[in-house]
Amino acid sequence: MKRICCLKILGCLALALLMATAGGNAGTPDAGMAAADALLQGPTLDPSQAEKALNMYERMLSSASAPRALVLAKLARTSFILGDLAPKKQREGYYRKGQMYAAMLNREDPKRTEGHYWLALNLCGEADACGYMVGRRLLPKIIENLERSLALSETYDQAGAHRVLGRIYFEAPAWPMSVGDLQKSLHHLQAAVKLAPDNSTNHLYLAQTLYGLHYRSLAQQQLELVLKCTQYSVKPQDLEEDHQEARRLLTDMGAVTPP
């Protein structure tokens, strides 16, 4: 317990020093970017921290103190994180803002994978926040942008386009109702695990697809790998949430949960 408290204190001091350095030296945009990035990496990330990071990136964009494409990508990503963290009534607004920044990046540099990827994820967020009918309308655009992102980079965001496409094909109803296809889900999630084997969500999603295909022992192996992973998908809390879900599923399957 004492060690955990000390680590938290040291982390807060390091973050405060980093932010003070960035604020005290306007001539070092890299320090300002690092300070905003650090806000999103804390283990107890909350909406106020993410909002501060968003405001810092927005100031960088208006002042042209950092590469515009990079800042737009970070704004689109941070908006998605805020949509994930925010109360239900505020979620759609953040996802719409993320779509705006991603669309700007796509117009200005359509060959960057980040714009297509974060546009797709913010559209996914809007679909989740607004319900089935909105999701059904947005789905073709989501898939289109994920495929564009994938064509530009398979590895971006720890194989993120493969991960999200795999999840869409797992969760969507099957044809002719929608695009659901467990074999397509398996293809994308196997690719995600191969490209980013330390990402917990890649293994968790693959396990659920394998279980849906009745490959129980293979699913269990993937769930055990989730518990060994050290990398999260979007925000720090995702890693612990994936670990908890893997333990729950292993218990439901009657498996012995690894320590």
Protein backbone atom coordinates (compact mmCIF):
# COMPACT_ATOMS: atom_id res chain seq x y z
CA MET A 1 0.00 0.00 0.00
CA LYS A 2 2.80 2.43 0.88
CA ARG A 3 4.54 1.68 -2.38
CA ILE A 4 1.39 2.42 -4.38
CA CYS A 5 0.91 5.74 -2.58
CA CYS A 6 4.54 6.72 -3.20
CA LEU A 7 4.22 5.89 -6.88
CA LYS A 8 1.09 8.05 -7.15
CA ILE A 9 2.84 10.95 -5.42
CA LEU A 10 5.90 10.65 -7.64
CA GLY A 11 3.68 10.47 -10.71
CA CYS A 12 1.82 13.62 -9.70
CA LEU A 13 5.07 15.48 -9.01
CA ALA A 14 6.48 14.46 -12.38
CA LEU A 15 3.32 15.59 -14.14
CA ALA A 16 3.28 18.90 -12.28
CA LEU A 17 6.92 19.53 -13.18
CA LEU A 18 6.25 18.69 -16.81
CA MET A 19 3.27 21.03 -16.99
CA ALA A 20 5.15 23.80 -15.24
CA THR A 21 7.99 23.47 -17.71
CA ALA A 22 5.58 23.61 -20.62
CA GLY A 23 3.71 26.60 -19.24
CA GLY A 24 6.82 28.49 -18.32
CA ASN A 25 8.53 28.19 -21.68
CA ALA A 26 6.27 29.10 -24.56
CA GLY A 27 9.17 28.57 -26.94
CA THR A 28 9.16 24.79 -26.47
CA PRO A 29 6.06 23.34 -28.16
CA ASP A 30 7.40 19.82 -27.63
CA ALA A 31 7.14 20.32 -23.87
CA GLY A 32 3.55 21.52 -24.21
CA MET A 33 2.68 18.47 -26.32
CA ALA A 34 4.35 16.17 -23.80
CA ALA A 35 2.39 17.74 -20.94
CA ALA A 36 -0.92 17.26 -22.76
CA ASP A 37 0.02 13.69 -23.64
CA ALA A 38 0.94 12.99 -20.00
CA LEU A 39 -2.51 14.05 -18.83
CA LEU A 40 -4.01 11.21 -20.88
CA GLN A 41 -1.61 8.57 -19.60
CA GLY A 42 -2.29 8.73 -15.87
CA PRO A 43 -3.69 5.54 -14.32
CA THR A 44 -6.67 7.44 -12.87
CA LEU A 45 -7.56 9.42 -16.00
CA ASP A 46 -10.83 11.32 -15.49
CA PRO A 47 -12.91 13.71 -17.63
CA SER A 48 -11.33 16.84 -16.14
CA GLN A 49 -7.83 15.68 -17.07
CA ALA A 50 -8.93 14.72 -20.57
CA GLU A 51 -10.68 18.09 -20.96
CA LYS A 52 -7.47 19.88 -19.95
CA ALA A 53 -5.55 17.92 -22.56
CA LEU A 54 -8.16 18.76 -25.20
CA ASN A 55 -7.90 22.47 -24.36
CA MET A 56 -4.10 22.33 -24.58
CA TYR A 57 -4.23 20.67 -28.01
CA GLU A 58 -6.80 23.24 -29.19
CA ARG A 59 -4.47 26.07 -28.17
CA MET A 60 -1.65 24.42 -30.10
CA LEU A 61 -3.88 24.20 -33.16
CA SER A 62 -4.89 27.87 -33.02
CA SER A 63 -1.32 29.03 -32.41
CA ALA A 64 0.28 26.72 -34.98
CA SER A 65 2.92 25.85 -32.36
CA ALA A 66 3.04 22.17 -33.40
CA PRO A 67 2.55 20.18 -36.64
CA ARG A 68 -1.08 20.66 -37.59
CA ALA A 69 -1.75 17.07 -38.71
CA LEU A 70 -0.36 15.69 -35.46
CA VAL A 71 -2.47 18.04 -33.36
CA LEU A 72 -5.63 17.25 -35.33
CA ALA A 73 -5.05 13.53 -34.77
CA LYS A 74 -4.59 14.09 -31.03
CA LEU A 75 -7.72 16.24 -30.88
CA ALA A 76 -9.77 13.55 -32.59
CA ARG A 77 -8.39 10.88 -30.25
CA THR A 78 -8.90 12.98 -27.11
CA SER A 79 -12.47 13.79 -28.12
CA PHE A 80 -13.12 10.06 -28.40
CA ILE A 81 -11.63 9.46 -24.95
CA LEU A 82 -13.83 12.22 -23.51
CA GLY A 83 -16.88 10.68 -25.15
CA ASP A 84 -16.00 7.42 -23.46
CA LEU A 85 -15.53 9.06 -20.04
CA ALA A 86 -18.29 11.67 -20.10
CA PRO A 87 -21.82 11.40 -18.66
CA LYS A 88 -24.34 9.97 -21.11
CA LYS A 89 -25.88 13.33 -22.06
CA GLN A 90 -22.48 14.76 -23.06
CA ARG A 91 -21.09 11.81 -24.98
CA GLU A 92 -22.55 12.57 -28.40
CA GLY A 93 -21.17 16.13 -28.35
CA TYR A 94 -17.61 14.92 -27.80
CA TYR A 95 -17.91 12.27 -30.50
CA ARG A 96 -19.20 14.89 -32.94
CA LYS A 97 -16.24 17.13 -32.08
CA GLY A 98 -13.89 14.21 -32.70
CA GLN A 99 -15.50 13.63 -36.08
CA MET A 100 -14.97 17.29 -36.94
CA TYR A 101 -11.24 17.17 -36.19
CA ALA A 102 -10.80 13.83 -37.97
CA ALA A 103 -12.65 15.12 -41.03
CA MET A 104 -10.40 18.20 -41.08
CA LEU A 105 -7.36 15.94 -41.07
CA ASN A 106 -8.82 13.82 -43.87
CA ARG A 107 -9.41 16.91 -46.03
CA GLU A 108 -5.93 18.30 -45.42
CA ASP A 109 -3.99 15.04 -45.61
CA PRO A 110 -6.12 12.10 -46.80
CA LYS A 111 -3.13 9.76 -46.86
CA ARG A 112 -2.71 9.84 -43.07
CA THR A 113 -4.27 6.82 -41.42
CA GLU A 114 -5.11 8.74 -38.21
CA GLY A 115 -7.90 10.80 -39.76
CA HIS A 116 -9.79 7.81 -41.15
CA TYR A 117 -9.24 5.78 -37.99
CA TRP A 118 -10.42 8.38 -35.48
CA LEU A 119 -13.33 9.39 -37.70
CA ALA A 120 -14.45 5.75 -37.63
CA LEU A 121 -14.04 5.45 -33.86
CA ASN A 122 -15.90 8.68 -33.14
CA LEU A 123 -18.68 7.48 -35.45
CA CYS A 124 -18.71 4.23 -33.45
CA GLY A 125 -19.03 6.29 -30.30
CA GLU A 126 -21.97 8.24 -31.71
CA ALA A 127 -23.64 5.00 -32.79
CA ASP A 128 -23.22 3.57 -29.30
CA ALA A 129 -24.50 6.74 -27.64
CA CYS A 130 -27.50 7.21 -29.91
CA GLY A 131 -28.81 3.71 -30.37
CA TYR A 132 -29.54 1.08 -32.98
CA MET A 133 -31.10 3.18 -35.75
CA VAL A 134 -28.26 5.71 -35.74
CA GLY A 135 -25.73 2.89 -35.59
CA ARG A 136 -27.30 1.18 -38.58
CA ARG A 137 -27.13 4.40 -40.58
CA LEU A 138 -23.50 5.08 -39.66
CA LEU A 139 -22.19 1.54 -40.09
CA PRO A 140 -21.24 1.75 -43.80
CA LYS A 141 -19.25 4.94 -43.18
CA ILE A 142 -17.55 3.38 -40.14
CA ILE A 143 -16.44 0.32 -42.11
CA GLU A 144 -15.35 2.45 -45.08
CA ASN A 145 -13.06 4.57 -42.91
CA LEU A 146 -11.66 1.60 -41.02
CA GLU A 147 -10.79 -0.09 -44.30
CA ARG A 148 -9.12 3.08 -45.54
CA SER A 149 -7.15 3.30 -42.32
CA LEU A 150 -6.18 -0.35 -42.64
CA ALA A 151 -4.97 0.13 -46.21
CA LEU A 152 -2.68 2.95 -45.02
CA SER A 153 -1.38 1.24 -41.86
CA GLU A 154 -2.19 -2.12 -40.31
CA THR A 155 -0.23 -1.35 -37.15
CA TYR A 156 -1.60 2.08 -36.15
CA ASP A 157 -3.03 2.18 -32.61
CA GLN A 158 -1.82 -1.37 -31.92
CA ALA A 159 -3.62 -2.83 -34.95
CA GLY A 160 -6.65 -0.73 -34.10
CA ALA A 161 -8.44 -1.00 -37.44
CA HIS A 162 -8.22 -4.81 -37.34
CA ARG A 163 -9.39 -4.77 -33.69
CA VAL A 164 -12.45 -2.59 -34.35
CA LEU A 165 -13.44 -4.31 -37.59
CA GLY A 166 -13.16 -7.66 -35.83
CA ARG A 167 -15.44 -6.42 -33.08
CA ILE A 168 -17.99 -5.00 -35.53
CA TYR A 169 -18.24 -8.31 -37.38
CA PHE A 170 -18.66 -10.07 -34.02
CA GLU A 171 -21.35 -7.79 -32.60
CA ALA A 172 -23.43 -6.97 -35.69
CA PRO A 173 -26.36 -9.22 -36.62
CA ALA A 174 -25.58 -11.62 -39.45
CA TRP A 175 -26.66 -11.16 -43.07
CA PRO A 176 -29.27 -10.26 -44.28
CA MET A 177 -29.96 -8.15 -41.20
CA SER A 178 -26.48 -6.63 -41.11
CA VAL A 179 -22.79 -7.38 -41.69
CA GLY A 180 -22.12 -9.77 -38.80
CA ASP A 181 -19.72 -12.55 -39.74
CA LEU A 182 -17.73 -14.54 -37.18
CA GLN A 183 -15.22 -15.75 -39.77
CA LYS A 184 -14.43 -12.16 -40.79
CA SER A 185 -14.20 -11.26 -37.11
CA LEU A 186 -11.75 -14.12 -36.58
CA HIS A 187 -9.60 -13.00 -39.53
CA HIS A 188 -9.25 -9.43 -38.29
CA LEU A 189 -8.69 -10.32 -34.64
CA GLN A 190 -6.07 -12.94 -35.43
CA ALA A 191 -4.28 -10.25 -37.43
CA ALA A 192 -4.60 -7.81 -34.53
CA VAL A 193 -3.09 -10.28 -32.06
CA LYS A 194 -0.24 -11.07 -34.43
CA LEU A 195 0.57 -7.39 -35.02
CA ALA A 196 0.09 -6.20 -31.41
CA PRO A 197 0.42 -9.19 -29.07
CA ASP A 198 0.77 -7.10 -25.90
CA ASN A 199 -2.62 -5.41 -26.31
CA SER A 200 -5.19 -6.82 -23.88
CA THR A 201 -8.27 -5.92 -25.93
CA ASN A 202 -6.96 -7.72 -29.02
CA HIS A 203 -6.80 -10.97 -27.06
CA LEU A 204 -10.11 -10.38 -25.25
CA TYR A 205 -12.02 -9.77 -28.48
CA LEU A 206 -10.36 -12.76 -30.16
CA ALA A 207 -11.33 -14.96 -27.20
CA GLN A 208 -14.97 -13.93 -27.46
CA THR A 209 -15.05 -14.60 -31.19
CA LEU A 210 -13.40 -17.99 -30.71
CA TYR A 211 -15.97 -18.86 -28.05
CA GLY A 212 -18.74 -17.80 -30.43
CA LEU A 213 -17.29 -20.26 -32.95
CA HIS A 214 -17.27 -22.98 -30.24
CA TYR A 215 -13.47 -23.10 -29.95
CA ARG A 216 -13.63 -23.22 -26.17
CA SER A 217 -10.06 -24.27 -25.39
CA LEU A 218 -8.59 -21.69 -27.78
CA ALA A 219 -10.82 -19.03 -26.26
CA GLN A 220 -9.58 -19.95 -22.80
CA GLN A 221 -5.96 -19.64 -23.97
CA GLN A 222 -6.65 -16.14 -25.25
CA LEU A 223 -8.33 -15.12 -21.99
CA GLU A 224 -5.28 -16.29 -20.07
CA LEU A 225 -3.11 -14.18 -22.36
CA VAL A 226 -5.28 -11.13 -21.59
CA LEU A 227 -4.13 -11.38 -17.97
CA LYS A 228 -0.49 -11.22 -19.06
CA CYS A 229 -0.90 -8.18 -21.30
CA THR A 230 0.62 -4.82 -20.42
CA GLN A 231 -0.77 -2.54 -23.14
CA TYR A 232 -4.24 -0.95 -23.20
CA SER A 233 -6.23 0.18 -26.23
CA VAL A 234 -7.34 3.78 -25.72
CA LYS A 235 -7.26 4.87 -22.07
CA PRO A 236 -5.33 3.50 -19.07
CA GLN A 237 -8.41 2.04 -17.37
CA ASP A 238 -8.98 -0.26 -20.34
CA LEU A 239 -6.22 -2.64 -19.22
CA GLU A 240 -7.75 -3.35 -15.81
CA GLU A 241 -11.24 -3.55 -17.30
CA ASP A 242 -10.01 -6.15 -19.79
CA HIS A 243 -8.35 -8.12 -16.98
CA GLN A 244 -11.59 -8.10 -14.98
CA GLU A 245 -13.66 -9.21 -17.98
CA ALA A 246 -11.20 -12.01 -18.79
CA ARG A 247 -11.41 -13.29 -15.20
CA ARG A 248 -15.21 -13.16 -15.31
CA LEU A 249 -15.35 -15.11 -18.56
CA LEU A 250 -12.85 -17.70 -17.32
CA THR A 251 -14.98 -18.18 -14.20
CA ASP A 252 -18.13 -18.55 -16.33
CA MET A 253 -16.32 -21.18 -18.41
CA GLY A 254 -15.40 -23.07 -15.25
CA ALA A 255 -11.68 -22.55 -15.83
CA VAL A 256 -9.11 -22.03 -13.10
CA THR A 257 -8.25 -18.34 -13.13
CA PRO A 258 -4.47 -17.74 -13.28
CA PRO A 259 -3.06 -15.81 -10.29
